[in-house]
Protein backbone atom coordinates (compact mmCIF):
# COMPACT_ATOMS: atom_id res chain seq x y z
CA MET A 1 73.35 2.36 119.16
CA LYS A 2 70.08 3.24 117.49
CA LEU A 3 70.78 0.79 114.59
CA MET A 4 71.48 -1.91 117.11
CA THR A 5 68.28 -1.29 118.87
CA LEU A 6 66.34 -1.24 115.60
CA ILE A 7 67.96 -4.63 114.51
CA PHE A 8 67.20 -6.13 118.04
CA CYS A 9 63.53 -4.95 117.78
CA LEU A 10 63.19 -6.39 114.31
CA MET A 11 64.64 -9.56 115.37
CA PHE A 12 62.31 -9.79 118.35
CA LEU A 13 59.39 -8.92 116.11
CA ASN A 14 60.30 -11.71 113.65
CA ILE A 15 60.78 -14.27 116.42
CA SER A 16 57.62 -13.37 118.06
CA PHE A 17 55.75 -14.41 115.01
CA SER A 18 57.37 -17.69 114.51
CA GLY A 19 56.66 -21.15 116.31
CA GLU A 20 53.61 -22.36 117.86
CA HIS A 21 50.55 -20.13 118.22
CA GLU A 22 46.90 -20.58 118.52
CA GLY A 23 45.88 -22.13 115.32
CA GLY A 24 48.91 -24.01 114.43
CA PHE A 25 52.45 -23.28 113.51
CA HIS A 26 53.38 -19.82 111.98
CA THR A 27 56.63 -19.17 110.30
CA ALA A 28 58.57 -15.89 110.78
CA ASN A 29 57.42 -12.89 108.70
CA PHE A 30 59.57 -12.08 105.54
CA CYS A 31 59.23 -8.80 103.86
CA THR A 32 59.89 -7.06 100.38
CA LEU A 33 62.02 -3.81 100.33
CA SER A 34 58.60 -1.93 100.16
CA LYS A 35 57.70 -3.46 103.49
CA THR A 36 55.03 -5.87 102.47
CA CYS A 37 55.41 -8.93 104.54
CA SER A 38 54.22 -12.52 104.56
CA HIS A 39 54.20 -15.61 106.63
CA LEU A 40 52.70 -19.17 106.63
CA ARG A 41 50.47 -20.85 108.92
CA PHE A 42 50.35 -24.66 109.12
CA ASP A 43 47.69 -26.56 111.23
CA GLU A 44 50.31 -29.45 111.41
CA TYR A 45 54.17 -29.06 110.88
CA PRO A 46 54.88 -30.38 107.35
CA THR A 47 56.63 -33.61 106.72
CA THR A 48 57.70 -35.64 103.84
CA ALA A 49 55.12 -38.40 104.75
CA LYS A 50 51.94 -36.70 103.62
CA MET A 51 50.49 -33.83 101.77
CA SER A 52 50.52 -30.29 103.58
CA GLU A 53 48.01 -27.59 103.70
CA PHE A 54 48.76 -24.07 104.79
CA LEU A 55 47.69 -20.49 104.67
CA ILE A 56 49.68 -17.72 103.09
CA HIS A 57 49.09 -14.42 104.94
CA ILE A 58 50.11 -11.27 103.08
CA LEU A 59 50.79 -8.22 105.37
CA PRO A 60 50.45 -5.30 102.81
CA SER A 61 52.71 -2.07 103.23
CA THR A 62 49.47 0.03 103.61
CA SER A 63 46.01 -0.58 104.57
CA SER A 64 44.74 0.50 101.14
CA SER A 65 47.00 -1.87 99.15
CA VAL A 66 45.25 -4.28 96.77
CA ILE A 67 46.90 -7.78 96.76
CA ASP A 68 46.03 -10.05 93.71
CA ASN A 69 47.39 -12.48 91.18
CA LEU A 70 49.02 -14.57 94.09
CA THR A 71 50.93 -17.67 92.97
CA ALA A 72 53.27 -19.92 94.94
CA LYS A 73 55.59 -22.72 94.52
CA LEU A 74 57.83 -25.05 96.61
CA TRP A 75 61.53 -25.14 95.93
CA MET A 76 64.56 -26.95 97.47
CA ASP A 77 67.78 -25.39 96.40
CA MET A 78 70.32 -28.35 96.33
CA GLY A 79 73.42 -26.13 95.53
CA ASN A 80 75.68 -26.16 92.40
CA GLY A 81 72.72 -24.86 90.25
CA HIS A 82 70.54 -27.96 91.08
CA GLY A 83 67.10 -27.58 92.60
CA HIS A 84 64.01 -29.65 93.04
CA GLY A 85 60.33 -28.56 93.00
CA SER A 86 57.14 -30.38 93.86
CA ALA A 87 53.58 -30.69 92.17
CA PRO A 88 51.76 -27.52 91.37
CA LEU A 89 50.11 -25.87 94.36
CA ALA A 90 46.42 -25.53 94.53
CA ILE A 91 45.66 -21.92 95.84
CA THR A 92 42.19 -20.38 96.66
CA THR A 93 41.38 -17.20 98.36
CA GLY A 94 41.03 -17.76 102.12
CA GLU A 95 38.21 -16.55 104.51
CA GLU A 96 39.99 -13.44 105.63
CA GLU A 97 41.37 -10.75 103.42
CA ASN A 98 44.83 -11.24 102.13
CA HIS A 99 44.98 -15.02 103.34
CA PHE A 100 45.35 -17.63 100.64
CA ALA A 101 44.60 -21.32 101.28
CA VAL A 102 47.18 -23.69 99.77
CA THR A 103 46.70 -27.55 99.24
CA ASN A 104 48.54 -30.12 97.38
CA ALA A 105 51.96 -29.16 98.99
CA TRP A 106 54.34 -32.03 98.91
CA PHE A 107 57.73 -31.61 100.53
CA VAL A 108 59.20 -34.77 99.07
CA MET A 109 62.63 -34.61 100.80
CA ALA A 110 63.95 -33.46 104.18
CA GLY A 111 65.90 -30.39 104.25
CA PRO A 112 65.67 -26.65 103.65
CA TRP A 113 62.73 -25.61 101.35
CA GLN A 114 61.54 -22.31 99.99
CA VAL A 115 57.87 -21.27 99.56
CA ILE A 116 58.28 -18.57 96.84
CA VAL A 117 55.23 -16.20 96.98
CA ASN A 118 54.68 -13.97 93.80
CA PHE A 119 51.86 -11.44 93.68
CA LYS A 120 50.76 -7.91 92.61
CA GLU A 121 50.56 -5.17 95.12
CA ASN A 122 48.73 -2.33 93.57
CA GLY A 123 49.60 -3.53 90.12
CA ILE A 124 53.47 -3.92 91.06
CA ASN A 125 55.17 -7.45 90.95
CA GLN A 126 56.44 -8.62 94.48
CA GLN A 127 58.06 -11.85 95.48
CA ILE A 128 58.69 -13.08 99.08
CA ILE A 129 60.61 -16.13 99.69
CA ILE A 130 59.70 -17.96 102.95
CA PRO A 131 62.13 -20.75 104.04
CA ILE A 132 61.00 -23.76 105.96
CA ASP A 133 63.13 -26.80 107.18
CA ILE A 134 61.43 -30.18 106.62
CA LYS A 135 62.77 -32.60 109.16
CA GLU A 136 61.25 -35.88 108.05
């Protein structure tokens, strides 16, 4: 029963961070095993028709964690070992701590994409994969 309650609470927390919020569209939070989480914030929902810009927000596992060396790429897994990327993303440090501004994001096909975020937290390599469905 406690496990089911915990799962329900985590699902509710994850859903509560997704969708339309002040400041644009936020994806759900996705986390590493060490409990560092991340989500994306788009001012406009991304489409295949134009370049997208978004923020990557890293939520460190502790308040004293240092996040650095962040990189990200777009990836569409097309099955059977085939995939599709996009142009390299341009990433700059955002205005707030652990926020990273991304430009030059081209979702060139409709379907399920992943934003693969790699970074170091206190010198340890971490990766978070954030799915997003592009409809048009």
